[in-house]
Amino acid sequence: MKPIFSVIVFSLLIFTSCGYKSSEYKALQAQNDSLLRVKHQMQEELDGYFSTMNQIEQNIEKIKETQGILSNQPVGEELDSDARMKINDDLLYLNELLQANKDELARLKAKIKRSSFKSAELERSLVRLTKALEEESAKVALLQTELAAKDSLIAELGTTVETMDNDIENLKTDVTIKESKIAEQDETIHTAWYVFGTRKELKEQKIVTSDGLFSPKRVLQSDFNKNYFVRIDARKTKSIPLFSTRAKILTSHPKSSYTLEKENDNFVLLITDTEDFWSISKYLVIEVE
């Protein structure tokens, strides 16, 4: 029995040892995976920093190239307006590009400051880029001064062009506002209202009134309900279905400008001359049964 017991004990020891090693291996593997993820994130972060700095460096080269072109540009009375405008556009481009790169560099510095990643090489690159941008800014300012001194019209042209642009924008705004007002006025001028209903309905809305049993009807004489009317464009409305076998127009409209026709036993008002029809009144009241 003893040999068998020894084998069992030895087996248990091996199993326990393997289980321990397996648990330790999993822990180490998890730690290794975590470190790899951190490394990958740091690499992506670093790549992003250097990508931005490379772009800024490329832009600095563009600035230098444009400066070189402008420095060799002949300036004087022989320049025509197109050439002067081109110089002003180039100067504007330089200033905008410089400002854009300064803003981008400031954002990059803020991002690196918040990051847990630190690199001496990265810091040196930032210092170098900052110095380069400051130097180019000074060169562009000097170039602008020199060009303006050689030809005062260049400096004046920049202001003139900007003023003209503002004038054009203001003119566009004024035209838009005026067109809108004209459209509103046009709509108001050609707006008309109509209503049809039984005598009872028209009286309830105070559209038709009468002082006594034998007194004549009065139309639109008191504070009638305007919301009861249908609003229309007088130019476009050519017919109004009345849905009644009897119809009588109570407001004043030239008889030559309309007809009352029957369609499917019901009357329809046909306006043959819209301008003439609405010339006396913009309100149309029709009594039906």
Protein backbone atom coordinates (compact mmCIF):
# COMPACT_ATOMS: atom_id res chain seq x y z
CA MET A 1 0.00 0.00 0.00
CA LYS A 2 2.87 2.42 0.69
CA PRO A 3 4.09 2.64 -2.91
CA ILE A 4 0.56 3.44 -4.06
CA PHE A 5 0.20 6.19 -1.41
CA SER A 6 3.53 7.71 -2.49
CA VAL A 7 2.40 7.87 -6.07
CA ILE A 8 -0.84 9.62 -5.08
CA VAL A 9 1.01 12.20 -2.97
CA PHE A 10 3.51 12.85 -5.76
CA SER A 11 0.70 13.31 -8.26
CA LEU A 12 -1.07 15.78 -5.99
CA LEU A 13 2.14 17.80 -5.60
CA ILE A 14 2.66 17.95 -9.37
CA PHE A 15 -0.98 18.98 -9.97
CA THR A 16 -0.80 21.70 -7.33
CA SER A 17 2.49 22.98 -8.70
CA CYS A 18 1.12 23.08 -12.27
CA GLY A 19 -2.01 24.91 -11.11
CA TYR A 20 0.10 27.49 -9.32
CA LYS A 21 2.34 27.96 -12.35
CA SER A 22 -0.71 28.27 -14.60
CA SER A 23 -2.20 31.02 -12.40
CA GLU A 24 1.12 32.87 -12.24
CA TYR A 25 1.48 32.61 -16.03
CA LYS A 26 -1.98 34.10 -16.61
CA ALA A 27 -1.18 36.99 -14.30
CA LEU A 28 2.10 37.68 -16.08
CA GLN A 29 0.39 37.40 -19.47
CA ALA A 30 -2.28 39.92 -18.43
CA GLN A 31 0.40 42.29 -17.15
CA ASN A 32 2.33 41.92 -20.39
CA ASP A 33 -0.81 42.62 -22.47
CA SER A 34 -1.51 45.72 -20.41
CA LEU A 35 2.05 47.00 -20.93
CA LEU A 36 1.75 46.38 -24.68
CA ARG A 37 -1.47 48.40 -24.82
CA VAL A 38 0.16 51.27 -22.93
CA LYS A 39 3.15 51.12 -25.26
CA HIS A 40 0.87 51.17 -28.29
CA GLN A 41 -1.08 54.16 -26.95
CA MET A 42 2.15 56.03 -26.17
CA GLN A 43 3.45 55.29 -29.65
CA GLU A 44 0.25 56.61 -31.24
CA GLU A 45 0.43 59.72 -29.06
CA LEU A 46 4.07 60.30 -29.98
CA ASP A 47 3.36 59.76 -33.68
CA GLY A 48 0.59 62.36 -33.46
CA TYR A 49 2.93 64.90 -31.87
CA PHE A 50 5.62 64.46 -34.49
CA SER A 51 3.05 64.46 -37.33
CA THR A 52 1.82 67.88 -36.19
CA MET A 53 5.38 69.19 -35.85
CA ASN A 54 6.29 67.90 -39.32
CA GLN A 55 3.27 69.74 -40.75
CA ILE A 56 4.34 72.95 -39.00
CA GLU A 57 7.86 72.55 -40.39
CA GLN A 58 6.46 72.09 -43.91
CA ASN A 59 4.39 75.25 -43.48
CA ILE A 60 7.47 77.15 -42.35
CA GLU A 61 9.18 76.11 -45.58
CA LYS A 62 6.16 77.43 -47.53
CA ILE A 63 6.46 80.72 -45.63
CA LYS A 64 10.15 80.97 -46.47
CA GLU A 65 9.46 80.19 -50.13
CA THR A 66 6.76 82.87 -50.40
CA GLN A 67 9.02 85.39 -48.63
CA GLY A 68 11.76 84.70 -51.15
CA ILE A 69 9.37 85.35 -54.04
CA LEU A 70 8.15 88.60 -52.52
CA SER A 71 11.68 89.77 -51.68
CA ASN A 72 12.67 89.49 -55.34
CA GLN A 73 9.48 91.15 -56.56
CA PRO A 74 10.19 94.48 -58.34
CA VAL A 75 8.19 97.22 -56.66
CA GLY A 76 7.51 100.68 -57.94
CA GLU A 77 5.38 102.77 -60.22
CA GLU A 78 5.70 100.19 -63.01
CA LEU A 79 3.47 97.76 -61.07
CA ASP A 80 -0.09 97.53 -62.30
CA SER A 81 -3.09 97.03 -59.99
CA ASP A 82 -3.18 93.25 -60.56
CA ALA A 83 0.46 92.88 -59.50
CA ARG A 84 -0.09 95.01 -56.43
CA MET A 85 -3.15 92.98 -55.50
CA LYS A 86 -1.14 89.74 -55.93
CA ILE A 87 1.51 91.06 -53.51
CA ASN A 88 -1.17 91.96 -51.00
CA ASP A 89 -2.76 88.52 -51.34
CA ASP A 90 0.63 86.88 -50.73
CA LEU A 91 1.23 89.00 -47.65
CA LEU A 92 -2.21 88.14 -46.35
CA TYR A 93 -1.50 84.45 -47.00
CA LEU A 94 1.79 84.67 -45.06
CA ASN A 95 0.16 86.31 -42.05
CA GLU A 96 -2.74 83.83 -42.00
CA LEU A 97 -0.37 80.85 -42.32
CA LEU A 98 1.84 82.16 -39.54
CA GLN A 99 -1.12 82.67 -37.23
CA ALA A 100 -2.54 79.22 -38.03
CA ASN A 101 0.78 77.58 -37.18
CA LYS A 102 1.14 79.57 -33.96
CA ASP A 103 -2.34 78.41 -32.92
CA GLU A 104 -1.53 74.80 -33.84
CA LEU A 105 1.74 74.93 -31.89
CA ALA A 106 -0.05 76.37 -28.85
CA ARG A 107 -2.59 73.52 -28.95
CA LEU A 108 0.25 70.99 -29.25
CA LYS A 109 2.06 72.46 -26.24
CA ALA A 110 -1.12 72.31 -24.16
CA LYS A 111 -1.72 68.69 -25.20
CA ILE A 112 1.86 67.65 -24.29
CA LYS A 113 1.60 69.48 -20.96
CA ARG A 114 -1.51 67.46 -20.04
CA SER A 115 0.08 64.19 -21.17
CA SER A 116 1.93 61.84 -18.83
CA PHE A 117 4.42 61.20 -21.63
CA LYS A 118 7.66 63.18 -21.29
CA SER A 119 10.49 63.38 -23.81
CA ALA A 120 13.52 65.65 -23.82
CA GLU A 121 13.74 65.36 -27.60
CA LEU A 122 10.11 66.42 -27.94
CA GLU A 123 10.68 69.45 -25.73
CA ARG A 124 13.73 70.49 -27.78
CA SER A 125 11.69 70.17 -30.99
CA LEU A 126 8.97 72.41 -29.55
CA VAL A 127 11.51 75.06 -28.56
CA ARG A 128 13.06 74.91 -32.03
CA LEU A 129 9.69 75.27 -33.78
CA THR A 130 8.64 78.15 -31.53
CA LYS A 131 11.86 80.01 -32.29
CA ALA A 132 11.52 79.34 -36.03
CA LEU A 133 7.96 80.72 -36.11
CA GLU A 134 8.99 83.83 -34.17
CA GLU A 135 11.83 84.46 -36.60
CA GLU A 136 9.57 84.06 -39.64
CA SER A 137 6.98 86.38 -38.09
CA ALA A 138 9.64 89.05 -37.67
CA LYS A 139 10.83 88.55 -41.25
CA VAL A 140 7.31 88.83 -42.67
CA ALA A 141 6.65 92.00 -40.66
CA LEU A 142 9.91 93.51 -41.92
CA LEU A 143 9.16 92.48 -45.50
CA GLN A 144 5.72 94.02 -45.30
CA THR A 145 7.21 97.29 -44.02
CA GLU A 146 9.85 97.33 -46.76
CA LEU A 147 7.33 96.68 -49.53
CA ALA A 148 5.00 99.36 -48.22
CA ALA A 149 7.91 101.83 -48.05
CA LYS A 150 8.84 101.08 -51.69
CA ASP A 151 5.29 101.39 -52.93
CA SER A 152 2.73 103.07 -50.67
CA LEU A 153 -0.06 101.88 -52.97
CA ILE A 154 0.51 98.30 -51.80
CA ALA A 155 -0.34 99.21 -48.23
CA GLU A 156 -3.30 101.28 -49.40
CA LEU A 157 -4.54 98.53 -51.70
CA GLY A 158 -4.92 96.09 -48.84
CA THR A 159 -7.18 98.52 -47.01
CA THR A 160 -9.08 99.40 -50.20
CA VAL A 161 -9.74 95.78 -51.09
CA GLU A 162 -10.93 95.04 -47.57
CA THR A 163 -13.21 98.10 -47.63
CA MET A 164 -14.61 97.10 -51.02
CA ASP A 165 -15.31 93.59 -49.77
CA ASN A 166 -17.19 95.02 -46.79
CA ASP A 167 -19.12 97.40 -49.05
CA ILE A 168 -20.09 94.53 -51.35
CA GLU A 169 -21.28 92.41 -48.41
CA ASN A 170 -23.27 95.34 -47.02
CA LEU A 171 -24.76 95.98 -50.46
CA LYS A 172 -25.76 92.31 -50.78
CA THR A 173 -27.43 92.49 -47.37
CA ASP A 174 -29.28 95.70 -48.30
CA VAL A 175 -30.47 94.16 -51.59
CA THR A 176 -31.69 91.03 -49.78
CA ILE A 177 -33.59 93.12 -47.22
CA LYS A 178 -35.13 95.31 -49.93
CA GLU A 179 -36.12 92.30 -52.03
CA SER A 180 -37.75 90.76 -48.97
CA LYS A 181 -39.67 93.97 -48.25
CA ILE A 182 -40.77 94.27 -51.87
CA ALA A 183 -41.99 90.67 -51.81
CA GLU A 184 -43.92 91.34 -48.59
CA GLN A 185 -45.44 94.54 -49.99
CA ASP A 186 -46.31 92.79 -53.24
CA GLU A 187 -48.03 90.01 -51.34
CA THR A 188 -49.93 92.52 -49.21
CA ILE A 189 -51.08 94.52 -52.26
CA HIS A 190 -52.41 91.41 -53.99
CA THR A 191 -53.98 89.80 -50.94
CA ALA A 192 -57.77 89.43 -50.87
CA TRP A 193 -60.27 87.72 -48.57
CA TYR A 194 -63.49 85.91 -49.30
CA VAL A 195 -66.23 84.19 -47.34
CA PHE A 196 -69.48 82.45 -48.20
CA GLY A 197 -72.20 81.28 -45.86
CA THR A 198 -75.88 81.35 -45.06
CA ARG A 199 -77.49 84.57 -43.88
CA LYS A 200 -77.54 83.21 -40.34
CA GLU A 201 -73.85 82.33 -40.42
CA LEU A 202 -72.89 85.70 -41.84
CA LYS A 203 -74.93 87.52 -39.20
CA GLU A 204 -73.36 85.44 -36.41
CA GLN A 205 -69.95 86.61 -37.56
CA LYS A 206 -71.24 90.24 -37.87
CA ILE A 207 -70.32 90.21 -41.57
CA VAL A 208 -73.93 91.12 -42.42
CA THR A 209 -75.96 93.35 -40.07
CA SER A 210 -79.45 94.89 -40.06
CA ASP A 211 -81.01 97.46 -37.74
CA GLY A 212 -84.56 96.14 -38.11
CA LEU A 213 -86.86 93.71 -39.85
CA PHE A 214 -87.42 95.91 -42.90
CA SER A 215 -84.12 97.80 -42.90
CA PRO A 216 -81.64 96.98 -45.64
CA LYS A 217 -78.76 94.63 -45.00
CA ARG A 218 -75.43 96.18 -44.39
CA VAL A 219 -72.24 94.31 -45.31
CA LEU A 220 -68.93 94.71 -43.48
CA GLN A 221 -70.22 97.73 -41.58
CA SER A 222 -69.40 96.70 -38.00
CA ASP A 223 -66.62 94.89 -36.20
CA PHE A 224 -66.90 91.70 -38.24
CA ASN A 225 -64.89 88.54 -37.64
CA LYS A 226 -61.94 88.79 -40.05
CA ASN A 227 -60.70 85.34 -39.05
CA TYR A 228 -63.79 83.86 -40.70
CA PHE A 229 -62.51 84.91 -44.12
CA VAL A 230 -60.23 82.89 -46.39
CA ARG A 231 -57.04 84.69 -47.40
CA ILE A 232 -56.03 84.35 -51.09
CA ASP A 233 -53.67 85.76 -53.71
CA ALA A 234 -55.99 87.84 -55.89
CA ARG A 235 -53.79 87.35 -58.96
CA LYS A 236 -53.92 83.56 -58.85
CA THR A 237 -57.47 82.82 -57.69
CA LYS A 238 -59.66 82.40 -60.76
CA SER A 239 -62.52 80.31 -59.38
CA ILE A 240 -64.20 79.72 -56.01
CA PRO A 241 -66.53 76.70 -55.55
CA LEU A 242 -69.55 77.70 -53.45
CA PHE A 243 -71.14 74.26 -52.86
CA SER A 244 -74.66 75.67 -53.06
CA THR A 245 -77.58 75.76 -55.51
CA ARG A 246 -78.16 79.45 -54.74
CA ALA A 247 -75.57 82.20 -54.48
CA LYS A 248 -75.68 85.97 -54.17
CA ILE A 249 -72.69 88.30 -54.09
CA LEU A 250 -73.19 90.93 -51.37
CA THR A 251 -70.02 93.02 -51.83
CA SER A 252 -69.34 95.42 -54.72
CA HIS A 253 -67.49 93.96 -57.71
CA PRO A 254 -67.84 94.97 -61.37
CA LYS A 255 -70.31 92.56 -63.00
CA SER A 256 -68.22 92.39 -66.15
CA SER A 257 -65.34 90.86 -64.19
CA TYR A 258 -67.03 87.63 -63.09
CA THR A 259 -69.74 85.06 -63.79
CA LEU A 260 -71.63 82.59 -61.66
CA GLU A 261 -71.69 79.20 -63.32
CA LYS A 262 -73.19 75.89 -62.26
CA GLU A 263 -71.11 72.76 -61.98
CA ASN A 264 -72.85 69.58 -60.82
CA ASP A 265 -75.87 71.68 -59.74
CA ASN A 266 -73.71 73.88 -57.49
CA PHE A 267 -72.57 77.41 -58.22
CA VAL A 268 -68.94 78.32 -58.88
CA LEU A 269 -67.70 81.90 -58.99
CA LEU A 270 -65.48 82.41 -62.05
CA ILE A 271 -63.35 85.57 -62.00
CA THR A 272 -62.67 86.62 -65.58
CA ASP A 273 -60.74 89.81 -64.80
CA THR A 274 -58.92 89.59 -61.48
CA GLU A 275 -57.61 93.16 -61.48
CA ASP A 276 -61.03 94.66 -62.21
CA PHE A 277 -62.86 92.30 -59.86
CA TRP A 278 -60.86 93.35 -56.80
CA SER A 279 -60.58 97.04 -57.78
CA ILE A 280 -63.46 98.17 -55.54
CA SER A 281 -63.06 95.88 -52.55
CA LYS A 282 -60.51 93.36 -51.36
CA TYR A 283 -63.27 91.56 -49.44
CA LEU A 284 -65.73 89.22 -51.12
CA VAL A 285 -68.92 88.15 -49.30
CA ILE A 286 -71.30 85.61 -50.85
CA GLU A 287 -74.59 84.52 -49.35
CA VAL A 288 -75.56 80.89 -50.04
CA GLU A 289 -78.25 78.54 -48.89
